[in-house]
Amino acid sequence: MGANELSALLWRERELLELLIFKLDEEQLLLANGKTRWLQQATREVEQVLGHVREAGLARSVEVSALAAEWGTAEDATLRELVAHAPVGPWTEIMASHFAALGELTIQIKELRDANEQLLRAAVRSSQETLADVRTNTNTYDSRGTSDVRTAASRLFDQIL
């Protein structure tokens, strides 16, 4: 275990976060265009990628803990703390680059999540307004098969005598 393994895991995590951004973009396009048919599939794909991100995060935590001990910092160090304690040389720049990239990806994911949430809220509000405007005929039928509610519409009768 060492810096090489951690760097490889961070690259993998970055790739997963980029895939998550792609999936959130897909979801946003579906929401914006009203293509609700595929929304459940897109949401399922987002959840699958999130599962992989969680697994990668756990593996990263294990590697950070091992490398932190090697670099002379606390085992529960964050990536930021690990960057601060990196030995002089290329690892400082490499770990700082990973840290900055992960931060940027996180910001993009948050923005997409918030935008998708707004689109979903607008869709729900629109659906509720549409349903509120629908006036259904709640007439029921009696045992003879005729409507038990009398129609209030006016009728014209022509009498022939």
N, C-alpha and C. Protein backbone atom coordinates (compact mmCIF):
# COMPACT_ATOMS: atom_id res chain seq x y z
N MET A 1 0.85 -1.17 0.00
CA MET A 1 0.00 0.00 0.00
C MET A 1 0.90 1.23 0.00
N GLY A 2 0.47 2.21 -0.76
CA GLY A 2 1.28 3.40 -0.79
C GLY A 2 0.64 4.47 -1.64
N ALA A 3 1.44 5.44 -2.00
CA ALA A 3 0.95 6.59 -2.76
C ALA A 3 0.47 6.20 -4.14
N ASN A 4 1.16 5.23 -4.77
CA ASN A 4 0.72 4.79 -6.11
C ASN A 4 -0.70 4.22 -6.07
N GLU A 5 -0.95 3.36 -5.10
CA GLU A 5 -2.28 2.74 -4.97
C GLU A 5 -3.35 3.79 -4.69
N LEU A 6 -3.02 4.74 -3.80
CA LEU A 6 -3.97 5.79 -3.50
C LEU A 6 -4.26 6.65 -4.73
N SER A 7 -3.21 6.98 -5.47
CA SER A 7 -3.40 7.78 -6.67
C SER A 7 -4.29 7.04 -7.68
N ALA A 8 -4.07 5.75 -7.83
CA ALA A 8 -4.91 4.95 -8.75
C ALA A 8 -6.36 4.95 -8.28
N LEU A 9 -6.58 4.81 -6.97
CA LEU A 9 -7.94 4.85 -6.44
C LEU A 9 -8.58 6.22 -6.64
N LEU A 10 -7.80 7.27 -6.48
CA LEU A 10 -8.34 8.62 -6.69
C LEU A 10 -8.72 8.84 -8.16
N TRP A 11 -7.90 8.30 -9.07
CA TRP A 11 -8.27 8.39 -10.49
C TRP A 11 -9.59 7.66 -10.74
N ARG A 12 -9.73 6.48 -10.16
CA ARG A 12 -10.96 5.70 -10.32
C ARG A 12 -12.15 6.47 -9.75
N GLU A 13 -11.97 7.08 -8.61
CA GLU A 13 -13.05 7.86 -8.00
C GLU A 13 -13.42 9.06 -8.87
N ARG A 14 -12.42 9.70 -9.44
CA ARG A 14 -12.68 10.83 -10.35
C ARG A 14 -13.47 10.37 -11.57
N GLU A 15 -13.11 9.22 -12.12
CA GLU A 15 -13.84 8.69 -13.27
C GLU A 15 -15.29 8.39 -12.91
N LEU A 16 -15.50 7.83 -11.73
CA LEU A 16 -16.86 7.55 -11.28
C LEU A 16 -17.66 8.83 -11.08
N LEU A 17 -17.04 9.86 -10.53
CA LEU A 17 -17.74 11.13 -10.34
C LEU A 17 -18.08 11.77 -11.69
N GLU A 18 -17.21 11.63 -12.68
CA GLU A 18 -17.52 12.13 -14.02
C GLU A 18 -18.67 11.35 -14.64
N LEU A 19 -18.69 10.04 -14.40
CA LEU A 19 -19.81 9.22 -14.87
C LEU A 19 -21.10 9.65 -14.18
N LEU A 20 -21.01 9.97 -12.90
CA LEU A 20 -22.19 10.45 -12.17
C LEU A 20 -22.68 11.77 -12.76
N ILE A 21 -21.77 12.65 -13.10
CA ILE A 21 -22.17 13.92 -13.75
C ILE A 21 -22.89 13.63 -15.06
N PHE A 22 -22.37 12.70 -15.83
CA PHE A 22 -23.02 12.32 -17.09
C PHE A 22 -24.43 11.80 -16.83
N LYS A 23 -24.58 10.93 -15.86
CA LYS A 23 -25.90 10.36 -15.56
C LYS A 23 -26.86 11.43 -15.04
N LEU A 24 -26.37 12.36 -14.26
CA LEU A 24 -27.22 13.46 -13.79
C LEU A 24 -27.60 14.38 -14.95
N ASP A 25 -26.69 14.59 -15.89
CA ASP A 25 -27.02 15.35 -17.09
C ASP A 25 -28.11 14.66 -17.90
N GLU A 26 -28.00 13.35 -18.04
CA GLU A 26 -29.03 12.57 -18.74
C GLU A 26 -30.38 12.76 -18.06
N GLU A 27 -30.37 12.63 -16.75
CA GLU A 27 -31.60 12.78 -15.98
C GLU A 27 -32.19 14.18 -16.18
N GLN A 28 -31.33 15.18 -16.19
CA GLN A 28 -31.78 16.55 -16.38
C GLN A 28 -32.40 16.74 -17.76
N LEU A 29 -31.80 16.17 -18.78
CA LEU A 29 -32.35 16.27 -20.14
C LEU A 29 -33.73 15.62 -20.21
N LEU A 30 -33.88 14.48 -19.57
CA LEU A 30 -35.18 13.82 -19.55
C LEU A 30 -36.23 14.68 -18.84
N LEU A 31 -35.84 15.25 -17.71
CA LEU A 31 -36.76 16.09 -16.95
C LEU A 31 -37.14 17.35 -17.73
N ALA A 32 -36.14 17.98 -18.33
CA ALA A 32 -36.39 19.23 -19.04
C ALA A 32 -37.27 19.02 -20.27
N ASN A 33 -37.17 17.84 -20.88
CA ASN A 33 -37.96 17.57 -22.08
C ASN A 33 -39.23 16.79 -21.80
N GLY A 34 -39.52 16.55 -20.54
CA GLY A 34 -40.76 15.87 -20.18
C GLY A 34 -40.78 14.40 -20.57
N LYS A 35 -39.64 13.79 -20.73
CA LYS A 35 -39.54 12.37 -21.12
C LYS A 35 -39.55 11.50 -19.86
N THR A 36 -40.68 11.43 -19.22
CA THR A 36 -40.76 10.71 -17.95
C THR A 36 -40.72 9.20 -18.13
N ARG A 37 -40.89 8.73 -19.34
CA ARG A 37 -40.86 7.29 -19.59
C ARG A 37 -39.54 6.67 -19.13
N TRP A 38 -38.43 7.37 -19.36
CA TRP A 38 -37.11 6.83 -19.05
C TRP A 38 -36.54 7.36 -17.74
N LEU A 39 -37.29 8.15 -17.04
CA LEU A 39 -36.79 8.78 -15.82
C LEU A 39 -36.44 7.74 -14.75
N GLN A 40 -37.25 6.72 -14.61
CA GLN A 40 -36.98 5.69 -13.60
C GLN A 40 -35.67 4.96 -13.92
N GLN A 41 -35.44 4.67 -15.20
CA GLN A 41 -34.19 4.01 -15.60
C GLN A 41 -32.99 4.91 -15.32
N ALA A 42 -33.12 6.20 -15.66
CA ALA A 42 -32.02 7.14 -15.43
C ALA A 42 -31.72 7.27 -13.93
N THR A 43 -32.76 7.31 -13.13
CA THR A 43 -32.57 7.41 -11.68
C THR A 43 -31.90 6.15 -11.14
N ARG A 44 -32.28 5.01 -11.66
CA ARG A 44 -31.66 3.75 -11.23
C ARG A 44 -30.17 3.75 -11.58
N GLU A 45 -29.83 4.27 -12.76
CA GLU A 45 -28.42 4.34 -13.16
C GLU A 45 -27.63 5.29 -12.27
N VAL A 46 -28.25 6.40 -11.89
CA VAL A 46 -27.59 7.33 -10.97
C VAL A 46 -27.32 6.63 -9.64
N GLU A 47 -28.30 5.89 -9.15
CA GLU A 47 -28.13 5.18 -7.87
C GLU A 47 -27.04 4.12 -7.96
N GLN A 48 -26.93 3.43 -9.12
CA GLN A 48 -25.88 2.44 -9.29
C GLN A 48 -24.50 3.09 -9.25
N VAL A 49 -24.35 4.21 -9.94
CA VAL A 49 -23.07 4.91 -9.93
C VAL A 49 -22.76 5.39 -8.53
N LEU A 50 -23.77 5.89 -7.81
CA LEU A 50 -23.55 6.33 -6.43
C LEU A 50 -23.06 5.18 -5.55
N GLY A 51 -23.56 3.98 -5.79
CA GLY A 51 -23.09 2.81 -5.05
C GLY A 51 -21.61 2.55 -5.31
N HIS A 52 -21.20 2.68 -6.58
CA HIS A 52 -19.79 2.50 -6.92
C HIS A 52 -18.93 3.61 -6.30
N VAL A 53 -19.47 4.83 -6.27
CA VAL A 53 -18.74 5.94 -5.66
C VAL A 53 -18.53 5.68 -4.17
N ARG A 54 -19.57 5.16 -3.50
CA ARG A 54 -19.43 4.85 -2.07
C ARG A 54 -18.35 3.79 -1.84
N GLU A 55 -18.35 2.75 -2.69
CA GLU A 55 -17.33 1.70 -2.56
C GLU A 55 -15.93 2.27 -2.78
N ALA A 56 -15.79 3.13 -3.77
CA ALA A 56 -14.49 3.75 -4.05
C ALA A 56 -14.08 4.65 -2.89
N GLY A 57 -15.03 5.34 -2.30
CA GLY A 57 -14.73 6.19 -1.15
C GLY A 57 -14.25 5.39 0.04
N LEU A 58 -14.84 4.22 0.23
CA LEU A 58 -14.41 3.35 1.33
C LEU A 58 -13.00 2.85 1.07
N ALA A 59 -12.72 2.43 -0.16
CA ALA A 59 -11.37 1.96 -0.49
C ALA A 59 -10.37 3.10 -0.34
N ARG A 60 -10.76 4.30 -0.73
CA ARG A 60 -9.88 5.47 -0.58
C ARG A 60 -9.58 5.70 0.90
N SER A 61 -10.59 5.61 1.75
CA SER A 61 -10.38 5.82 3.19
C SER A 61 -9.36 4.84 3.75
N VAL A 62 -9.43 3.59 3.31
CA VAL A 62 -8.49 2.59 3.78
C VAL A 62 -7.07 2.94 3.32
N GLU A 63 -6.94 3.33 2.06
CA GLU A 63 -5.62 3.68 1.52
C GLU A 63 -5.07 4.96 2.18
N VAL A 64 -5.95 5.94 2.39
CA VAL A 64 -5.50 7.18 3.04
C VAL A 64 -5.01 6.86 4.44
N SER A 65 -5.71 6.01 5.14
CA SER A 65 -5.31 5.64 6.50
C SER A 65 -3.92 5.00 6.51
N ALA A 66 -3.69 4.09 5.57
CA ALA A 66 -2.40 3.42 5.50
C ALA A 66 -1.29 4.40 5.12
N LEU A 67 -1.56 5.25 4.14
CA LEU A 67 -0.55 6.20 3.69
C LEU A 67 -0.30 7.28 4.74
N ALA A 68 -1.33 7.64 5.47
CA ALA A 68 -1.18 8.66 6.51
C ALA A 68 -0.18 8.21 7.56
N ALA A 69 -0.27 6.95 7.93
CA ALA A 69 0.69 6.42 8.91
C ALA A 69 2.11 6.48 8.34
N GLU A 70 2.23 6.15 7.05
CA GLU A 70 3.54 6.19 6.39
C GLU A 70 4.09 7.62 6.30
N TRP A 71 3.22 8.59 6.10
CA TRP A 71 3.64 9.98 5.93
C TRP A 71 3.64 10.77 7.25
N GLY A 72 3.36 10.10 8.32
CA GLY A 72 3.49 10.73 9.64
C GLY A 72 2.34 11.61 10.05
N THR A 73 1.14 11.26 9.69
CA THR A 73 -0.04 12.01 10.14
C THR A 73 -1.05 11.02 10.72
N ALA A 74 -2.13 11.52 11.27
CA ALA A 74 -3.14 10.67 11.92
C ALA A 74 -3.77 9.71 10.91
N GLU A 75 -4.12 8.52 11.37
CA GLU A 75 -4.73 7.52 10.50
C GLU A 75 -6.08 7.96 9.95
N ASP A 76 -6.78 8.80 10.69
CA ASP A 76 -8.09 9.27 10.23
C ASP A 76 -7.98 10.60 9.48
N ALA A 77 -6.82 10.85 8.90
CA ALA A 77 -6.58 12.09 8.17
C ALA A 77 -7.47 12.19 6.94
N THR A 78 -7.86 13.39 6.62
CA THR A 78 -8.61 13.64 5.39
C THR A 78 -7.63 13.76 4.24
N LEU A 79 -8.14 13.78 3.05
CA LEU A 79 -7.28 13.94 1.88
C LEU A 79 -6.56 15.28 1.93
N ARG A 80 -7.23 16.30 2.39
CA ARG A 80 -6.61 17.63 2.54
C ARG A 80 -5.42 17.56 3.50
N GLU A 81 -5.59 16.88 4.63
CA GLU A 81 -4.50 16.75 5.59
C GLU A 81 -3.36 15.92 5.02
N LEU A 82 -3.72 14.91 4.23
CA LEU A 82 -2.70 14.09 3.61
C LEU A 82 -1.87 14.90 2.62
N VAL A 83 -2.52 15.76 1.86
CA VAL A 83 -1.81 16.64 0.92
C VAL A 83 -0.85 17.54 1.69
N ALA A 84 -1.29 18.04 2.82
CA ALA A 84 -0.44 18.93 3.63
C ALA A 84 0.78 18.21 4.19
N HIS A 85 0.66 16.91 4.41
CA HIS A 85 1.77 16.14 4.99
C HIS A 85 2.53 15.33 3.94
N ALA A 86 2.22 15.53 2.69
CA ALA A 86 2.93 14.79 1.63
C ALA A 86 4.40 15.18 1.63
N PRO A 87 5.26 14.20 1.37
CA PRO A 87 6.69 14.53 1.33
C PRO A 87 7.01 15.44 0.15
N VAL A 88 8.08 16.19 0.28
CA VAL A 88 8.49 17.10 -0.79
C VAL A 88 8.80 16.26 -2.02
N GLY A 89 8.25 16.72 -3.12
CA GLY A 89 8.46 15.99 -4.37
C GLY A 89 7.17 15.93 -5.16
N PRO A 90 7.09 15.01 -6.10
CA PRO A 90 5.93 14.97 -7.00
C PRO A 90 4.61 14.61 -6.31
N TRP A 91 4.66 13.87 -5.21
CA TRP A 91 3.42 13.45 -4.56
C TRP A 91 2.62 14.63 -4.02
N THR A 92 3.26 15.66 -3.62
CA THR A 92 2.55 16.85 -3.15
C THR A 92 1.67 17.40 -4.26
N GLU A 93 2.25 17.55 -5.43
CA GLU A 93 1.50 18.09 -6.57
C GLU A 93 0.43 17.11 -7.06
N ILE A 94 0.77 15.84 -7.10
CA ILE A 94 -0.19 14.83 -7.58
C ILE A 94 -1.40 14.77 -6.65
N MET A 95 -1.17 14.69 -5.36
CA MET A 95 -2.27 14.60 -4.40
C MET A 95 -3.08 15.90 -4.36
N ALA A 96 -2.40 17.03 -4.49
CA ALA A 96 -3.11 18.31 -4.53
C ALA A 96 -3.98 18.40 -5.78
N SER A 97 -3.48 17.88 -6.88
CA SER A 97 -4.25 17.86 -8.13
C SER A 97 -5.51 17.00 -7.99
N HIS A 98 -5.35 15.83 -7.38
CA HIS A 98 -6.51 14.96 -7.13
C HIS A 98 -7.52 15.67 -6.23
N PHE A 99 -7.02 16.28 -5.17
CA PHE A 99 -7.89 16.98 -4.23
C PHE A 99 -8.67 18.09 -4.91
N ALA A 100 -8.00 18.89 -5.73
CA ALA A 100 -8.67 20.00 -6.45
C ALA A 100 -9.70 19.46 -7.44
N ALA A 101 -9.34 18.42 -8.17
CA ALA A 101 -10.26 17.85 -9.15
C ALA A 101 -11.50 17.26 -8.48
N LEU A 102 -11.31 16.57 -7.37
CA LEU A 102 -12.46 16.01 -6.65
C LEU A 102 -13.36 17.12 -6.14
N GLY A 103 -12.77 18.21 -5.69
CA GLY A 103 -13.57 19.36 -5.24
C GLY A 103 -14.40 19.95 -6.37
N GLU A 104 -13.79 20.12 -7.53
CA GLU A 104 -14.52 20.67 -8.69
C GLU A 104 -15.65 19.74 -9.12
N LEU A 105 -15.38 18.45 -9.16
CA LEU A 105 -16.41 17.48 -9.55
C LEU A 105 -17.57 17.50 -8.55
N THR A 106 -17.24 17.63 -7.28
CA THR A 106 -18.28 17.68 -6.25
C THR A 106 -19.17 18.90 -6.42
N ILE A 107 -18.58 20.03 -6.76
CA ILE A 107 -19.36 21.25 -7.00
C ILE A 107 -20.30 21.06 -8.19
N GLN A 108 -19.79 20.47 -9.27
CA GLN A 108 -20.63 20.23 -10.45
C GLN A 108 -21.79 19.29 -10.12
N ILE A 109 -21.51 18.26 -9.35
CA ILE A 109 -22.55 17.31 -8.96
C ILE A 109 -23.62 18.00 -8.12
N LYS A 110 -23.21 18.84 -7.19
CA LYS A 110 -24.16 19.56 -6.35
C LYS A 110 -25.05 20.46 -7.20
N GLU A 111 -24.46 21.17 -8.16
CA GLU A 111 -25.24 22.06 -9.02
C GLU A 111 -26.25 21.27 -9.85
N LEU A 112 -25.82 20.15 -10.41
CA LEU A 112 -26.74 19.31 -11.20
C LEU A 112 -27.85 18.74 -10.32
N ARG A 113 -27.48 18.29 -9.12
CA ARG A 113 -28.48 17.74 -8.20
C ARG A 113 -29.54 18.79 -7.87
N ASP A 114 -29.09 20.02 -7.58
CA ASP A 114 -30.03 21.09 -7.24
C ASP A 114 -30.92 21.44 -8.43
N ALA A 115 -30.35 21.50 -9.63
CA ALA A 115 -31.14 21.81 -10.82
C ALA A 115 -32.16 20.71 -11.09
N ASN A 116 -31.76 19.46 -10.94
CA ASN A 116 -32.69 18.35 -11.15
C ASN A 116 -33.81 18.36 -10.11
N GLU A 117 -33.46 18.70 -8.90
CA GLU A 117 -34.47 18.79 -7.84
C GLU A 117 -35.50 19.87 -8.17
N GLN A 118 -35.05 21.01 -8.67
CA GLN A 118 -35.97 22.08 -9.06
C GLN A 118 -36.88 21.63 -10.19
N LEU A 119 -36.31 20.93 -11.17
CA LEU A 119 -37.12 20.43 -12.29
C LEU A 119 -38.16 19.42 -11.79
N LEU A 120 -37.76 18.56 -10.87
CA LEU A 120 -38.71 17.59 -10.31
C LEU A 120 -39.82 18.28 -9.53
N ARG A 121 -39.47 19.29 -8.76
CA ARG A 121 -40.49 20.03 -8.00
C ARG A 121 -41.46 20.73 -8.95
N ALA A 122 -40.94 21.29 -10.02
CA ALA A 122 -41.80 21.95 -11.00
C ALA A 122 -42.73 20.94 -11.67
N ALA A 123 -42.21 19.76 -11.97
CA ALA A 123 -43.03 18.72 -12.59
C ALA A 123 -44.14 18.26 -11.65
N VAL A 124 -43.80 18.09 -10.37
CA VAL A 124 -44.81 17.68 -9.39
C VAL A 124 -45.87 18.76 -9.25
N ARG A 125 -45.44 20.02 -9.16
CA ARG A 125 -46.38 21.13 -9.03
C ARG A 125 -47.30 21.20 -10.25
N SER A 126 -46.74 21.02 -11.42
CA SER A 126 -47.53 21.05 -12.65
C SER A 126 -48.54 19.91 -12.67
N SER A 127 -48.10 18.74 -12.25
CA SER A 127 -49.02 17.59 -12.20
C SER A 127 -50.15 17.83 -11.21
N GLN A 128 -49.82 18.39 -10.07
CA GLN A 128 -50.85 18.66 -9.07
C GLN A 128 -51.85 19.70 -9.58
N GLU A 129 -51.37 20.72 -10.26
CA GLU A 129 -52.26 21.73 -10.82
C GLU A 129 -53.15 21.14 -11.90
N THR A 130 -52.60 20.27 -12.72
CA THR A 130 -53.38 19.63 -13.77
C THR A 130 -54.46 18.75 -13.17
N LEU A 131 -54.08 17.97 -12.16
CA LEU A 131 -55.06 17.10 -11.52
C LEU A 131 -56.14 17.89 -10.79
N ALA A 132 -55.80 19.04 -10.26
CA ALA A 132 -56.78 19.87 -9.57
C ALA A 132 -57.80 20.43 -10.55
N ASP A 133 -57.39 20.65 -11.79
CA ASP A 133 -58.29 21.20 -12.80
C ASP A 133 -59.18 20.15 -13.45
N VAL A 134 -58.84 18.90 -13.29
CA VAL A 134 -59.63 17.84 -13.92
C VAL A 134 -60.93 17.68 -13.15
N ARG A 135 -61.99 17.78 -13.88
CA ARG A 135 -63.31 17.58 -13.26
C ARG A 135 -63.87 16.26 -13.79
N THR A 136 -63.94 15.32 -12.92
CA THR A 136 -64.44 14.01 -13.33
C THR A 136 -65.92 13.90 -13.06
N ASN A 137 -66.59 13.16 -13.87
CA ASN A 137 -68.01 12.90 -13.69
C ASN A 137 -68.13 11.76 -12.70
N THR A 138 -68.63 12.05 -11.53
CA THR A 138 -68.71 11.03 -10.48
C THR A 138 -70.09 10.40 -10.41
N ASN A 139 -70.84 10.48 -11.50
CA ASN A 139 -72.16 9.85 -11.50
C ASN A 139 -72.02 8.35 -11.30
N THR A 140 -72.95 7.81 -10.54
CA THR A 140 -73.00 6.37 -10.37
C THR A 140 -74.30 5.88 -10.98
N TYR A 141 -74.42 4.60 -11.08
CA TYR A 141 -75.60 4.02 -11.71
C TYR A 141 -76.42 3.28 -10.69
N ASP A 142 -77.75 3.33 -10.92
CA ASP A 142 -78.64 2.59 -10.02
C ASP A 142 -78.86 1.18 -10.54
N SER A 143 -79.75 0.43 -9.92
CA SER A 143 -79.97 -0.96 -10.28
C SER A 143 -80.57 -1.13 -11.68
N ARG A 144 -81.17 -0.07 -12.25
CA ARG A 144 -81.74 -0.14 -13.60
C ARG A 144 -80.72 0.24 -14.67
N GLY A 145 -79.52 0.67 -14.23
CA GLY A 145 -78.49 1.04 -15.20
C GLY A 145 -78.57 2.48 -15.64
N THR A 146 -79.36 3.28 -14.94
CA THR A 146 -79.44 4.70 -15.29
C THR A 146 -78.68 5.51 -14.25
N SER A 147 -78.28 6.67 -14.65
CA SER A 147 -77.51 7.53 -13.77
C SER A 147 -78.38 8.01 -12.64
N ASP A 148 -77.86 7.99 -11.43
CA ASP A 148 -78.65 8.42 -10.29
C ASP A 148 -78.53 9.92 -10.02
N VAL A 149 -77.72 10.62 -10.82
CA VAL A 149 -77.59 12.06 -10.67
C VAL A 149 -78.34 12.71 -11.83
N ARG A 150 -79.22 13.59 -11.49
CA ARG A 150 -79.99 14.27 -12.52
C ARG A 150 -79.14 15.35 -13.17
N THR A 151 -79.27 15.46 -14.45
CA THR A 151 -78.52 16.48 -15.18
C THR A 151 -79.19 17.82 -14.98
N ALA A 152 -78.38 18.82 -14.69
CA ALA A 152 -78.91 20.15 -14.43
C ALA A 152 -78.96 20.99 -15.70
N ALA A 153 -78.60 20.41 -16.82
CA ALA A 153 -78.59 21.18 -18.07
C ALA A 153 -80.02 21.48 -18.50
N SER A 154 -80.19 22.59 -19.17
CA SER A 154 -81.52 22.95 -19.62
C SER A 154 -81.91 22.10 -20.83
N ARG A 155 -83.23 21.87 -20.95
CA ARG A 155 -83.73 21.07 -22.05
C ARG A 155 -84.88 21.81 -22.72
N LEU A 156 -84.99 21.59 -23.98
CA LEU A 156 -86.05 22.19 -24.74
C LEU A 156 -87.06 21.11 -25.08
N PHE A 157 -88.31 21.33 -24.68
CA PHE A 157 -89.36 20.37 -24.97
C PHE A 157 -90.33 21.00 -25.96
N ASP A 158 -90.69 20.24 -26.89
CA ASP A 158 -91.66 20.70 -27.87
C ASP A 158 -92.93 19.89 -27.64
N GLN A 159 -94.00 20.57 -27.33
CA GLN A 159 -95.24 19.86 -27.07
C GLN A 159 -96.08 19.80 -28.34
N ILE A 160 -96.53 18.63 -28.61
CA ILE A 160 -97.46 18.46 -29.72
C ILE A 160 -98.78 18.03 -29.09
N LEU A 161 -99.79 18.81 -29.35
CA LEU A 161 -101.10 18.48 -28.81
C LEU A 161 -102.07 18.17 -29.86
